[in-house]
PDB file of N, CA and C in Angstrom:
ATOM      1  N   MET A   1      41.075  63.177 177.177  1.00  0.00           N
ATOM      2  CA  MET A   1      39.769  62.583 177.248  1.00  0.00           C
ATOM      3  C   MET A   1      39.815  61.206 177.922  1.00  0.00           C
ATOM      4  N   LYS A   2      40.802  60.365 177.483  1.00  0.00           N
ATOM      5  CA  LYS A   2      40.926  59.036 178.072  1.00  0.00           C
ATOM      6  C   LYS A   2      41.309  59.129 179.547  1.00  0.00           C
ATOM      7  N   GLN A   3      42.212  60.053 179.863  1.00  0.00           N
ATOM      8  CA  GLN A   3      42.643  60.197 181.252  1.00  0.00           C
ATOM      9  C   GLN A   3      41.487  60.641 182.142  1.00  0.00           C
ATOM     10  N   GLY A   4      40.635  61.500 181.655  1.00  0.00           N
ATOM     11  CA  GLY A   4      39.467  61.950 182.407  1.00  0.00           C
ATOM     12  C   GLY A   4      38.493  60.812 182.656  1.00  0.00           C
ATOM     13  N   LEU A   5      38.286  59.985 181.650  1.00  0.00           N
ATOM     14  CA  LEU A   5      37.404  58.831 181.778  1.00  0.00           C
ATOM     15  C   LEU A   5      37.954  57.819 182.776  1.00  0.00           C
ATOM     16  N   ILE A   6      39.247  57.585 182.708  1.00  0.00           N
ATOM     17  CA  ILE A   6      39.892  56.661 183.642  1.00  0.00           C
ATOM     18  C   ILE A   6      39.803  57.199 185.065  1.00  0.00           C
ATOM     19  N   MET A   7      39.989  58.488 185.229  1.00  0.00           N
ATOM     20  CA  MET A   7      39.907  59.105 186.553  1.00  0.00           C
ATOM     21  C   MET A   7      38.492  58.978 187.127  1.00  0.00           C
ATOM     22  N   ILE A   8      37.466  59.180 186.307  1.00  0.00           N
ATOM     23  CA  ILE A   8      36.084  59.059 186.766  1.00  0.00           C
ATOM     24  C   ILE A   8      35.782  57.619 187.160  1.00  0.00           C
ATOM     25  N   ILE A   9      36.203  56.659 186.375  1.00  0.00           N
ATOM     26  CA  ILE A   9      35.983  55.253 186.694  1.00  0.00           C
ATOM     27  C   ILE A   9      36.698  54.892 187.996  1.00  0.00           C
ATOM     28  N   PHE A  10      37.911  55.374 188.169  1.00  0.00           N
ATOM     29  CA  PHE A  10      38.665  55.116 189.388  1.00  0.00           C
ATOM     30  C   PHE A  10      37.955  55.694 190.617  1.00  0.00           C
ATOM     31  N   LEU A  11      37.443  56.905 190.521  1.00  0.00           N
ATOM     32  CA  LEU A  11      36.729  57.529 191.634  1.00  0.00           C
ATOM     33  C   LEU A  11      35.447  56.768 191.977  1.00  0.00           C
ATOM     34  N   ILE A  12      34.700  56.361 190.969  1.00  0.00           N
ATOM     35  CA  ILE A  12      33.469  55.600 191.218  1.00  0.00           C
ATOM     36  C   ILE A  12      33.798  54.281 191.895  1.00  0.00           C
ATOM     37  N   PHE A  13      34.821  53.616 191.417  1.00  0.00           N
ATOM     38  CA  PHE A  13      35.246  52.337 191.997  1.00  0.00           C
ATOM     39  C   PHE A  13      35.678  52.508 193.452  1.00  0.00           C
ATOM     40  N   SER A  14      36.459  53.530 193.743  1.00  0.00           N
ATOM     41  CA  SER A  14      36.938  53.732 195.114  1.00  0.00           C
ATOM     42  C   SER A  14      35.788  54.116 196.051  1.00  0.00           C
ATOM     43  N   PHE A  15      34.815  54.904 195.582  1.00  0.00           N
ATOM     44  CA  PHE A  15      33.665  55.244 196.421  1.00  0.00           C
ATOM     45  C   PHE A  15      32.801  54.019 196.709  1.00  0.00           C
ATOM     46  N   SER A  16      32.654  53.135 195.732  1.00  0.00           N
ATOM     47  CA  SER A  16      31.843  51.933 195.960  1.00  0.00           C
ATOM     48  C   SER A  16      32.523  51.007 196.962  1.00  0.00           C
ATOM     49  N   LEU A  17      33.842  50.917 196.941  1.00  0.00           N
ATOM     50  CA  LEU A  17      34.560  50.114 197.936  1.00  0.00           C
ATOM     51  C   LEU A  17      34.399  50.706 199.328  1.00  0.00           C
ATOM     52  N   GLN A  18      34.483  52.016 199.438  1.00  0.00           N
ATOM     53  CA  GLN A  18      34.336  52.685 200.727  1.00  0.00           C
ATOM     54  C   GLN A  18      32.930  52.475 201.293  1.00  0.00           C
ATOM     55  N   ALA A  19      31.922  52.512 200.445  1.00  0.00           N
ATOM     56  CA  ALA A  19      30.548  52.318 200.898  1.00  0.00           C
ATOM     57  C   ALA A  19      30.340  50.904 201.424  1.00  0.00           C
ATOM     58  N   GLN A  20      31.016  49.912 200.854  1.00  0.00           N
ATOM     59  CA  GLN A  20      30.872  48.541 201.307  1.00  0.00           C
ATOM     60  C   GLN A  20      31.509  48.336 202.674  1.00  0.00           C
ATOM     61  N   LYS A  21      32.556  49.053 202.986  1.00  0.00           N
ATOM     62  CA  LYS A  21      33.249  48.897 204.264  1.00  0.00           C
ATOM     63  C   LYS A  21      32.450  49.459 205.434  1.00  0.00           C
ATOM     64  N   GLU A  22      31.586  50.415 205.212  1.00  0.00           N
ATOM     65  CA  GLU A  22      30.921  51.123 206.289  1.00  0.00           C
ATOM     66  C   GLU A  22      29.563  50.553 206.657  1.00  0.00           C
ATOM     67  N   GLN A  23      29.320  49.285 206.384  1.00  0.00           N
ATOM     68  CA  GLN A  23      28.060  48.683 206.778  1.00  0.00           C
ATOM     69  C   GLN A  23      28.079  48.391 208.260  1.00  0.00           C
ATOM     70  N   GLY A  24      27.019  48.739 208.948  1.00  0.00           N
ATOM     71  CA  GLY A  24      26.941  48.530 210.390  1.00  0.00           C
ATOM     72  C   GLY A  24      26.226  47.238 210.745  1.00  0.00           C
ATOM     73  N   VAL A  25      26.298  46.874 212.000  1.00  0.00           N
ATOM     74  CA  VAL A  25      25.614  45.697 212.507  1.00  0.00           C
ATOM     75  C   VAL A  25      24.339  46.158 213.199  1.00  0.00           C
ATOM     76  N   ILE A  26      23.229  45.497 212.887  1.00  0.00           N
ATOM     77  CA  ILE A  26      21.949  45.834 213.497  1.00  0.00           C
ATOM     78  C   ILE A  26      21.593  44.733 214.489  1.00  0.00           C
ATOM     79  N   TYR A  27      21.326  45.118 215.728  1.00  0.00           N
ATOM     80  CA  TYR A  27      20.934  44.172 216.767  1.00  0.00           C
ATOM     81  C   TYR A  27      19.427  44.202 216.904  1.00  0.00           C
ATOM     82  N   ARG A  28      18.810  43.015 216.990  1.00  0.00           N
ATOM     83  CA  ARG A  28      17.361  42.957 217.136  1.00  0.00           C
ATOM     84  C   ARG A  28      16.923  43.125 218.581  1.00  0.00           C
ATOM     85  N   THR A  29      17.722  42.609 219.512  1.00  0.00           N
ATOM     86  CA  THR A  29      17.349  42.690 220.925  1.00  0.00           C
ATOM     87  C   THR A  29      18.553  43.119 221.744  1.00  0.00           C
ATOM     88  N   PRO A  30      18.335  43.644 222.955  1.00  0.00           N
ATOM     89  CA  PRO A  30      19.460  43.983 223.831  1.00  0.00           C
ATOM     90  C   PRO A  30      20.302  42.758 224.186  1.00  0.00           C
ATOM     91  N   ALA A  31      19.666  41.573 224.282  1.00  0.00           N
ATOM     92  CA  ALA A  31      20.424  40.353 224.601  1.00  0.00           C
ATOM     93  C   ALA A  31      21.413  40.025 223.487  1.00  0.00           C
ATOM     94  N   GLU A  32      21.022  40.240 222.220  1.00  0.00           N
ATOM     95  CA  GLU A  32      21.941  40.010 221.116  1.00  0.00           C
ATOM     96  C   GLU A  32      23.119  40.970 221.183  1.00  0.00           C
ATOM     97  N   LYS A  33      22.866  42.227 221.537  1.00  0.00           N
ATOM     98  CA  LYS A  33      23.955  43.199 221.647  1.00  0.00           C
ATOM     99  C   LYS A  33      24.928  42.780 222.744  1.00  0.00           C
ATOM    100  N   ARG A  34      24.390  42.342 223.898  1.00  0.00           N
ATOM    101  CA  ARG A  34      25.265  41.873 224.979  1.00  0.00           C
ATOM    102  C   ARG A  34      26.064  40.661 224.537  1.00  0.00           C
ATOM    103  N   ALA A  35      25.426  39.773 223.791  1.00  0.00           N
ATOM    104  CA  ALA A  35      26.107  38.569 223.326  1.00  0.00           C
ATOM    105  C   ALA A  35      27.266  38.925 222.400  1.00  0.00           C
ATOM    106  N   MET A  36      27.061  39.881 221.520  1.00  0.00           N
ATOM    107  CA  MET A  36      28.123  40.279 220.608  1.00  0.00           C
ATOM    108  C   MET A  36      29.214  41.052 221.346  1.00  0.00           C
ATOM    109  N   ASP A  37      28.835  41.881 222.326  1.00  0.00           N
ATOM    110  CA  ASP A  37      29.822  42.655 223.075  1.00  0.00           C
ATOM    111  C   ASP A  37      30.679  41.755 223.956  1.00  0.00           C
ATOM    112  N   ASN A  38      30.051  40.805 224.634  1.00  0.00           N
ATOM    113  CA  ASN A  38      30.773  39.925 225.554  1.00  0.00           C
ATOM    114  C   ASN A  38      31.430  38.755 224.859  1.00  0.00           C
ATOM    115  N   ASN A  39      31.013  38.442 223.636  1.00  0.00           N
ATOM    116  CA  ASN A  39      31.536  37.337 222.852  1.00  0.00           C
ATOM    117  C   ASN A  39      31.575  36.034 223.639  1.00  0.00           C
ATOM    118  N   PRO A  40      30.415  35.524 224.075  1.00  0.00           N
ATOM    119  CA  PRO A  40      30.397  34.303 224.871  1.00  0.00           C
ATOM    120  C   PRO A  40      30.824  33.077 224.085  1.00  0.00           C
ATOM    121  N   ALA A  41      30.706  33.117 222.766  1.00  0.00           N
ATOM    122  CA  ALA A  41      31.075  31.950 221.971  1.00  0.00           C
ATOM    123  C   ALA A  41      32.567  31.651 222.092  1.00  0.00           C
ATOM    124  N   GLY A  42      33.378  32.658 222.320  1.00  0.00           N
ATOM    125  CA  GLY A  42      34.808  32.436 222.464  1.00  0.00           C
ATOM    126  C   GLY A  42      35.189  31.882 223.822  1.00  0.00           C
ATOM    127  N   MET A  43      34.279  31.924 224.786  1.00  0.00           N
ATOM    128  CA  MET A  43      34.583  31.477 226.146  1.00  0.00           C
ATOM    129  C   MET A  43      34.094  30.059 226.415  1.00  0.00           C
ATOM    130  N   ILE A  44      33.487  29.392 225.439  1.00  0.00           N
ATOM    131  CA  ILE A  44      32.921  28.068 225.644  1.00  0.00           C
ATOM    132  C   ILE A  44      33.843  27.016 225.041  1.00  0.00           C
ATOM    133  N   THR A  45      34.084  25.946 225.806  1.00  0.00           N
ATOM    134  CA  THR A  45      34.870  24.822 225.312  1.00  0.00           C
ATOM    135  C   THR A  45      34.031  23.564 225.429  1.00  0.00           C
ATOM    136  N   LEU A  46      33.811  22.889 224.308  1.00  0.00           N
ATOM    137  CA  LEU A  46      33.117  21.613 224.286  1.00  0.00           C
ATOM    138  C   LEU A  46      34.147  20.549 223.933  1.00  0.00           C
ATOM    139  N   TYR A  47      34.220  19.482 224.712  1.00  0.00           N
ATOM    140  CA  TYR A  47      35.172  18.420 224.422  1.00  0.00           C
ATOM    141  C   TYR A  47      34.651  17.098 224.950  1.00  0.00           C
ATOM    142  N   PRO A  48      35.061  15.982 224.439  1.00  0.00           N
ATOM    143  CA  PRO A  48      35.978  15.776 223.304  1.00  0.00           C
ATOM    144  C   PRO A  48      35.272  16.069 221.982  1.00  0.00           C
ATOM    145  N   VAL A  49      36.059  16.419 220.980  1.00  0.00           N
ATOM    146  CA  VAL A  49      35.524  16.695 219.656  1.00  0.00           C
ATOM    147  C   VAL A  49      36.229  15.785 218.676  1.00  0.00           C
ATOM    148  N   PRO A  50      35.586  14.966 217.896  1.00  0.00           N
ATOM    149  CA  PRO A  50      34.166  14.661 217.981  1.00  0.00           C
ATOM    150  C   PRO A  50      33.865  13.826 219.216  1.00  0.00           C
ATOM    151  N   VAL A  51      32.617  13.860 219.640  1.00  0.00           N
ATOM    152  CA  VAL A  51      32.201  13.101 220.824  1.00  0.00           C
ATOM    153  C   VAL A  51      32.160  11.626 220.446  1.00  0.00           C
ATOM    154  N   ARG A  52      32.852  10.807 221.223  1.00  0.00           N
ATOM    155  CA  ARG A  52      32.828   9.359 221.028  1.00  0.00           C
ATOM    156  C   ARG A  52      32.273   8.758 222.308  1.00  0.00           C
ATOM    157  N   GLY A  53      31.197   8.029 222.182  1.00  0.00           N
ATOM    158  CA  GLY A  53      30.580   7.473 223.376  1.00  0.00           C
ATOM    159  C   GLY A  53      29.417   8.328 223.824  1.00  0.00           C
ATOM    160  N   ASN A  54      29.243   8.404 225.128  1.00  0.00           N
ATOM    161  CA  ASN A  54      28.054   9.065 225.676  1.00  0.00           C
ATOM    162  C   ASN A  54      28.345  10.334 226.459  1.00  0.00           C
ATOM    163  N   THR A  55      29.593  10.775 226.541  1.00  0.00           N
ATOM    164  CA  THR A  55      29.936  11.879 227.433  1.00  0.00           C
ATOM    165  C   THR A  55      30.404  13.111 226.665  1.00  0.00           C
ATOM    166  N   LEU A  56      29.840  14.259 227.036  1.00  0.00           N
ATOM    167  CA  LEU A  56      30.232  15.555 226.498  1.00  0.00           C
ATOM    168  C   LEU A  56      30.517  16.472 227.670  1.00  0.00           C
ATOM    169  N   ASN A  57      31.659  17.157 227.639  1.00  0.00           N
ATOM    170  CA  ASN A  57      32.031  18.112 228.688  1.00  0.00           C
ATOM    171  C   ASN A  57      31.909  19.528 228.150  1.00  0.00           C
ATOM    172  N   ILE A  58      31.390  20.412 228.987  1.00  0.00           N
ATOM    173  CA  ILE A  58      31.257  21.821 228.619  1.00  0.00           C
ATOM    174  C   ILE A  58      31.923  22.654 229.699  1.00  0.00           C
ATOM    175  N   LYS A  59      32.872  23.485 229.274  1.00  0.00           N
ATOM    176  CA  LYS A  59      33.576  24.375 230.195  1.00  0.00           C
ATOM    177  C   LYS A  59      33.372  25.797 229.697  1.00  0.00           C
ATOM    178  N   CYS A  60      33.096  26.696 230.639  1.00  0.00           N
ATOM    179  CA  CYS A  60      32.776  28.067 230.260  1.00  0.00           C
ATOM    180  C   CYS A  60      33.204  29.018 231.372  1.00  0.00           C
ATOM    181  N   GLU A  61      33.503  30.252 231.007  1.00  0.00           N
ATOM    182  CA  GLU A  61      33.868  31.262 232.003  1.00  0.00           C
ATOM    183  C   GLU A  61      32.626  31.869 232.667  1.00  0.00           C
ATOM    184  N   LYS A  62      31.499  31.862 231.955  1.00  0.00           N
ATOM    185  CA  LYS A  62      30.260  32.398 232.507  1.00  0.00           C
ATOM    186  C   LYS A  62      29.434  31.268 233.092  1.00  0.00           C
ATOM    187  N   GLU A  63      28.482  31.615 233.957  1.00  0.00           N
ATOM    188  CA  GLU A  63      27.640  30.611 234.607  1.00  0.00           C
ATOM    189  C   GLU A  63      26.521  30.160 233.674  1.00  0.00           C
ATOM    190  N   ILE A  64      26.415  28.836 233.504  1.00  0.00           N
ATOM    191  CA  ILE A  64      25.415  28.234 232.620  1.00  0.00           C
ATOM    192  C   ILE A  64      24.179  27.892 233.443  1.00  0.00           C
ATOM    193  N   SER A  65      22.997  28.278 232.938  1.00  0.00           N
ATOM    194  CA  SER A  65      21.770  27.949 233.652  1.00  0.00           C
ATOM    195  C   SER A  65      20.921  26.905 232.926  1.00  0.00           C
ATOM    196  N   PHE A  66      21.162  26.688 231.620  1.00  0.00           N
ATOM    197  CA  PHE A  66      20.356  25.729 230.870  1.00  0.00           C
ATOM    198  C   PHE A  66      21.160  25.168 229.712  1.00  0.00           C
ATOM    199  N   ILE A  67      21.044  23.851 229.486  1.00  0.00           N
ATOM    200  CA  ILE A  67      21.705  23.184 228.359  1.00  0.00           C
ATOM    201  C   ILE A  67      20.696  22.273 227.683  1.00  0.00           C
ATOM    202  N   LYS A  68      20.703  22.300 226.351  1.00  0.00           N
ATOM    203  CA  LYS A  68      19.842  21.409 225.575  1.00  0.00           C
ATOM    204  C   LYS A  68      20.645  20.878 224.398  1.00  0.00           C
ATOM    205  N   VAL A  69      20.554  19.575 224.138  1.00  0.00           N
ATOM    206  CA  VAL A  69      21.197  18.951 222.986  1.00  0.00           C
ATOM    207  C   VAL A  69      20.091  18.453 222.068  1.00  0.00           C
ATOM    208  N   THR A  70      20.139  18.872 220.806  1.00  0.00           N
ATOM    209  CA  THR A  70      19.104  18.573 219.835  1.00  0.00           C
ATOM    210  C   THR A  70      19.734  17.927 218.609  1.00  0.00           C
ATOM    211  N   ASN A  71      19.088  16.886 218.070  1.00  0.00           N
ATOM    212  CA  ASN A  71      19.619  16.319 216.831  1.00  0.00           C
ATOM    213  C   ASN A  71      19.254  17.235 215.670  1.00  0.00           C
ATOM    214  N   ILE A  72      19.750  16.913 214.492  1.00  0.00           N
ATOM    215  CA  ILE A  72      19.628  17.817 213.356  1.00  0.00           C
ATOM    216  C   ILE A  72      18.188  17.961 212.854  1.00  0.00           C
ATOM    217  N   ILE A  73      17.299  17.026 213.243  1.00  0.00           N
ATOM    218  CA  ILE A  73      15.896  17.156 212.817  1.00  0.00           C
ATOM    219  C   ILE A  73      15.018  17.773 213.901  1.00  0.00           C
ATOM    220  N   GLY A  74      15.637  18.229 214.991  1.00  0.00           N
ATOM    221  CA  GLY A  74      14.910  18.988 215.997  1.00  0.00           C
ATOM    222  C   GLY A  74      14.434  18.229 217.220  1.00  0.00           C
ATOM    223  N   GLN A  75      14.799  16.969 217.349  1.00  0.00           N
ATOM    224  CA  GLN A  75      14.396  16.201 218.523  1.00  0.00           C
ATOM    225  C   GLN A  75      15.379  16.439 219.664  1.00  0.00           C
ATOM    226  N   ASP A  76      14.857  16.738 220.851  1.00  0.00           N
ATOM    227  CA  ASP A  76      15.701  16.944 222.027  1.00  0.00           C
ATOM    228  C   ASP A  76      16.159  15.585 222.560  1.00  0.00           C
ATOM    229  N   ILE A  77      17.488  15.429 222.717  1.00  0.00           N
ATOM    230  CA  ILE A  77      17.983  14.184 223.298  1.00  0.00           C
ATOM    231  C   ILE A  77      18.501  14.403 224.716  1.00  0.00           C
ATOM    232  N   PHE A  78      18.696  15.677 225.082  1.00  0.00           N
ATOM    233  CA  PHE A  78      19.127  16.016 226.440  1.00  0.00           C
ATOM    234  C   PHE A  78      18.650  17.423 226.731  1.00  0.00           C
ATOM    235  N   LYS A  79      18.133  17.624 227.942  1.00  0.00           N
ATOM    236  CA  LYS A  79      17.690  18.956 228.356  1.00  0.00           C
ATOM    237  C   LYS A  79      17.813  19.028 229.865  1.00  0.00           C
ATOM    238  N   GLU A  80      18.476  20.076 230.361  1.00  0.00           N
ATOM    239  CA  GLU A  80      18.599  20.226 231.799  1.00  0.00           C
ATOM    240  C   GLU A  80      18.725  21.695 232.182  1.00  0.00           C
ATOM    241  N   LYS A  81      17.970  22.065 233.216  1.00  0.00           N
ATOM    242  CA  LYS A  81      18.049  23.411 233.793  1.00  0.00           C
ATOM    243  C   LYS A  81      18.755  23.284 235.131  1.00  0.00           C
ATOM    244  N   PHE A  82      19.708  24.180 235.373  1.00  0.00           N
ATOM    245  CA  PHE A  82      20.501  24.134 236.594  1.00  0.00           C
ATOM    246  C   PHE A  82      20.013  25.193 237.571  1.00  0.00           C
ATOM    247  N   ASN A  83      19.648  24.765 238.789  1.00  0.00           N
ATOM    248  CA  ASN A  83      19.236  25.720 239.819  1.00  0.00           C
ATOM    249  C   ASN A  83      20.447  26.470 240.364  1.00  0.00           C
ATOM    250  N   ASN A  84      21.571  25.770 240.483  1.00  0.00           N
ATOM    251  CA  ASN A  84      22.837  26.402 240.866  1.00  0.00           C
ATOM    252  C   ASN A  84      23.692  26.475 239.612  1.00  0.00           C
ATOM    253  N   PRO A  85      23.827  27.653 239.011  1.00  0.00           N
ATOM    254  CA  PRO A  85      24.549  27.778 237.750  1.00  0.00           C
ATOM    255  C   PRO A  85      25.973  27.226 237.845  1.00  0.00           C
ATOM    256  N   LEU A  86      26.405  26.593 236.752  1.00  0.00           N
ATOM    257  CA  LEU A  86      27.708  25.936 236.689  1.00  0.00           C
ATOM    258  C   LEU A  86      28.595  26.562 235.632  1.00  0.00           C
ATOM    259  N   THR A  87      29.912  26.412 235.792  1.00  0.00           N
ATOM    260  CA  THR A  87      30.844  26.816 234.756  1.00  0.00           C
ATOM    261  C   THR A  87      31.489  25.602 234.102  1.00  0.00           C
ATOM    262  N   LEU A  88      31.359  24.430 234.719  1.00  0.00           N
ATOM    263  CA  LEU A  88      31.886  23.186 234.167  1.00  0.00           C
ATOM    264  C   LEU A  88      30.855  22.099 234.394  1.00  0.00           C
ATOM    265  N   THR A  89      30.478  21.412 233.332  1.00  0.00           N
ATOM    266  CA  THR A  89      29.481  20.359 233.467  1.00  0.00           C
ATOM    267  C   THR A  89      29.810  19.190 232.559  1.00  0.00           C
ATOM    268  N   LYS A  90      29.387  18.028 232.972  1.00  0.00           N
ATOM    269  CA  LYS A  90      29.571  16.795 232.212  1.00  0.00           C
ATOM    270  C   LYS A  90      28.183  16.282 231.860  1.00  0.00           C
ATOM    271  N   ILE A  91      27.938  16.072 230.573  1.00  0.00           N
ATOM    272  CA  ILE A  91      26.634  15.619 230.103  1.00  0.00           C
ATOM    273  C   ILE A  91      26.752  14.160 229.685  1.00  0.00           C
ATOM    274  N   ASP A  92      25.879  13.329 230.225  1.00  0.00           N
ATOM    275  CA  ASP A  92      25.798  11.929 229.829  1.00  0.00           C
ATOM    276  C   ASP A  92      24.611  11.760 228.900  1.00  0.00           C
ATOM    277  N   LEU A  93      24.905  11.462 227.643  1.00  0.00           N
ATOM    278  CA  LEU A  93      23.863  11.276 226.642  1.00  0.00           C
ATOM    279  C   LEU A  93      23.459   9.806 226.612  1.00  0.00           C
ATOM    280  N   ASN A  94      22.202   9.537 226.365  1.00  0.00           N
ATOM    281  CA  ASN A  94      21.666   8.183 226.355  1.00  0.00           C
ATOM    282  C   ASN A  94      21.867   7.537 224.983  1.00  0.00           C
ATOM    283  N   ASP A  95      22.991   6.886 224.760  1.00  0.00           N
ATOM    284  CA  ASP A  95      23.297   6.157 223.537  1.00  0.00           C
ATOM    285  C   ASP A  95      22.898   6.931 222.279  1.00  0.00           C
ATOM    286  N   PRO A  96      23.549   8.071 222.014  1.00  0.00           N
ATOM    287  CA  PRO A  96      23.173   8.882 220.851  1.00  0.00           C
ATOM    288  C   PRO A  96      23.596   8.222 219.544  1.00  0.00           C
ATOM    289  N   ALA A  97      22.834   8.454 218.501  1.00  0.00           N
ATOM    290  CA  ALA A  97      23.178   7.960 217.171  1.00  0.00           C
ATOM    291  C   ALA A  97      24.273   8.843 216.576  1.00  0.00           C
ATOM    292  N   ARG A  98      24.985   8.296 215.621  1.00  0.00           N
ATOM    293  CA  ARG A  98      26.048   9.045 214.939  1.00  0.00           C
ATOM    294  C   ARG A  98      25.407  10.192 214.156  1.00  0.00           C
ATOM    295  N   GLY A  99      26.030  11.373 214.195  1.00  0.00           N
ATOM    296  CA  GLY A  99      25.519  12.492 213.414  1.00  0.00           C
ATOM    297  C   GLY A  99      25.843  13.844 214.015  1.00  0.00           C
ATOM    298  N   MET A 100      25.231  14.874 213.446  1.00  0.00           N
ATOM    299  CA  MET A 100      25.419  16.254 213.883  1.00  0.00           C
ATOM    300  C   MET A 100      24.351  16.608 214.910  1.00  0.00           C
ATOM    301  N   TYR A 101      24.759  17.359 215.939  1.00  0.00           N
ATOM    302  CA  TYR A 101      23.851  17.777 217.002  1.00  0.00           C
ATOM    303  C   TYR A 101      24.095  19.244 217.306  1.00  0.00           C
ATOM    304  N   LEU A 102      23.071  19.907 217.816  1.00  0.00           N
ATOM    305  CA  LEU A 102      23.181  21.300 218.238  1.00  0.00           C
ATOM    306  C   LEU A 102      23.100  21.356 219.757  1.00  0.00           C
ATOM    307  N   VAL A 103      24.047  22.061 220.364  1.00  0.00           N
ATOM    308  CA  VAL A 103      24.071  22.246 221.810  1.00  0.00           C
ATOM    309  C   VAL A 103      23.683  23.697 222.080  1.00  0.00           C
ATOM    310  N   THR A 104      22.547  23.884 222.744  1.00  0.00           N
ATOM    311  CA  THR A 104      22.072  25.219 223.103  1.00  0.00           C
ATOM    312  C   THR A 104      22.427  25.480 224.553  1.00  0.00           C
ATOM    313  N   ILE A 105      23.142  26.573 224.788  1.00  0.00           N
ATOM    314  CA  ILE A 105      23.574  26.943 226.137  1.00  0.00           C
ATOM    315  C   ILE A 105      22.990  28.310 226.450  1.00  0.00           C
ATOM    316  N   ILE A 106      22.294  28.403 227.587  1.00  0.00           N
ATOM    317  CA  ILE A 106      21.754  29.689 228.035  1.00  0.00           C
ATOM    318  C   ILE A 106      22.454  30.062 229.333  1.00  0.00           C
ATOM    319  N   PHE A 107      22.991  31.266 229.366  1.00  0.00           N
ATOM    320  CA  PHE A 107      23.719  31.750 230.531  1.00  0.00           C
ATOM    321  C   PHE A 107      22.772  32.413 231.515  1.00  0.00           C
ATOM    322  N   ASN A 108      23.280  32.718 232.694  1.00  0.00           N
ATOM    323  CA  ASN A 108      22.499  33.383 233.741  1.00  0.00           C
ATOM    324  C   ASN A 108      21.938  34.727 233.292  1.00  0.00           C
ATOM    325  N   ASP A 109      22.686  35.455 232.463  1.00  0.00           N
ATOM    326  CA  ASP A 109      22.246  36.782 232.041  1.00  0.00           C
ATOM    327  C   ASP A 109      21.286  36.742 230.847  1.00  0.00           C
ATOM    328  N   GLY A 110      20.866  35.529 230.424  1.00  0.00           N
ATOM    329  CA  GLY A 110      19.896  35.402 229.343  1.00  0.00           C
ATOM    330  C   GLY A 110      20.497  35.256 227.958  1.00  0.00           C
ATOM    331  N   VAL A 111      21.811  35.336 227.827  1.00  0.00           N
ATOM    332  CA  VAL A 111      22.462  35.188 226.533  1.00  0.00           C
ATOM    333  C   VAL A 111      22.416  33.718 226.120  1.00  0.00           C
ATOM    334  N   LYS A 112      22.049  33.484 224.863  1.00  0.00           N
ATOM    335  CA  LYS A 112      21.914  32.125 224.351  1.00  0.00           C
ATOM    336  C   LYS A 112      22.948  31.896 223.250  1.00  0.00           C
ATOM    337  N   VAL A 113      23.645  30.752 223.324  1.00  0.00           N
ATOM    338  CA  VAL A 113      24.649  30.384 222.324  1.00  0.00           C
ATOM    339  C   VAL A 113      24.325  28.982 221.835  1.00  0.00           C
ATOM    340  N   VAL A 114      24.434  28.772 220.530  1.00  0.00           N
ATOM    341  CA  VAL A 114      24.217  27.453 219.949  1.00  0.00           C
ATOM    342  C   VAL A 114      25.517  27.009 219.294  1.00  0.00           C
ATOM    343  N   LYS A 115      25.991  25.816 219.667  1.00  0.00           N
ATOM    344  CA  LYS A 115      27.207  25.234 219.110  1.00  0.00           C
ATOM    345  C   LYS A 115      26.855  23.939 218.395  1.00  0.00           C
ATOM    346  N   LYS A 116      27.637  23.601 217.398  1.00  0.00           N
ATOM    347  CA  LYS A 116      27.419  22.385 216.633  1.00  0.00           C
ATOM    348  C   LYS A 116      28.476  21.361 217.045  1.00  0.00           C
ATOM    349  N   ILE A 117      28.046  20.100 217.249  1.00  0.00           N
ATOM    350  CA  ILE A 117      28.988  19.038 217.584  1.00  0.00           C
ATOM    351  C   ILE A 117      28.722  17.834 216.690  1.00  0.00           C
ATOM    352  N   MET A 118      29.715  16.971 216.594  1.00  0.00           N
ATOM    353  CA  MET A 118      29.595  15.722 215.847  1.00  0.00           C
ATOM    354  C   MET A 118      29.737  14.582 216.820  1.00  0.00           C
ATOM    355  N   ILE A 119      28.835  13.603 216.749  1.00  0.00           N
ATOM    356  CA  ILE A 119      28.928  12.424 217.602  1.00  0.00           C
ATOM    357  C   ILE A 119      29.226  11.232 216.701  1.00  0.00           C
ATOM    358  N   GLU A 120      30.257  10.478 217.078  1.00  0.00           N
ATOM    359  CA  GLU A 120      30.645   9.285 216.344  1.00  0.00           C
ATOM    360  C   GLU A 120      30.562   8.094 217.274  1.00  0.00           C
ATOM    361  N   PRO A 121      30.378   6.891 216.722  1.00  0.00           N
ATOM    362  CA  PRO A 121      30.311   5.697 217.578  1.00  0.00           C
ATOM    363  C   PRO A 121      31.638   5.462 218.281  1.00  0.00           C
ATOM    364  N   SER A 122      31.590   4.931 219.511  1.00  0.00           N
ATOM    365  CA  SER A 122      32.826   4.655 220.232  1.00  0.00           C
ATOM    366  C   SER A 122      33.516   3.466 219.606  1.00  0.00           C
ATOM    367  N   GLU A 123      34.843   3.492 219.665  1.00  0.00           N
ATOM    368  CA  GLU A 123      35.637   2.434 219.018  1.00  0.00           C
ATOM    369  C   GLU A 123      35.909   1.285 219.941  1.00  0.00           C
TER     370      GLU A 123
END
């Protein structure tokens, strides 16, 4: 009787673990699917980290068509659209305050990536 009960509990436990492993990913738009397939976040390099001073460099394997830097409360401190897409760009920020910022990068194919950076005062 005890062995049967233990076996049933073991089977239920193993089926519940298997059900958790088989969850799929749902994409809302084709652009999101392309973004996940191409993994653009792994191809972007932002430096120096943390940013000290006014300069941020962005290097990427894909062509960038738009960059926006936003502070944590949603104010845009830098925004630029590139007519000739770039893979390496240097951004000069206008005396940014210390804190967390979001860098939004839009590629030529419409894929959008948001990265988080920290800006500290220059020493």
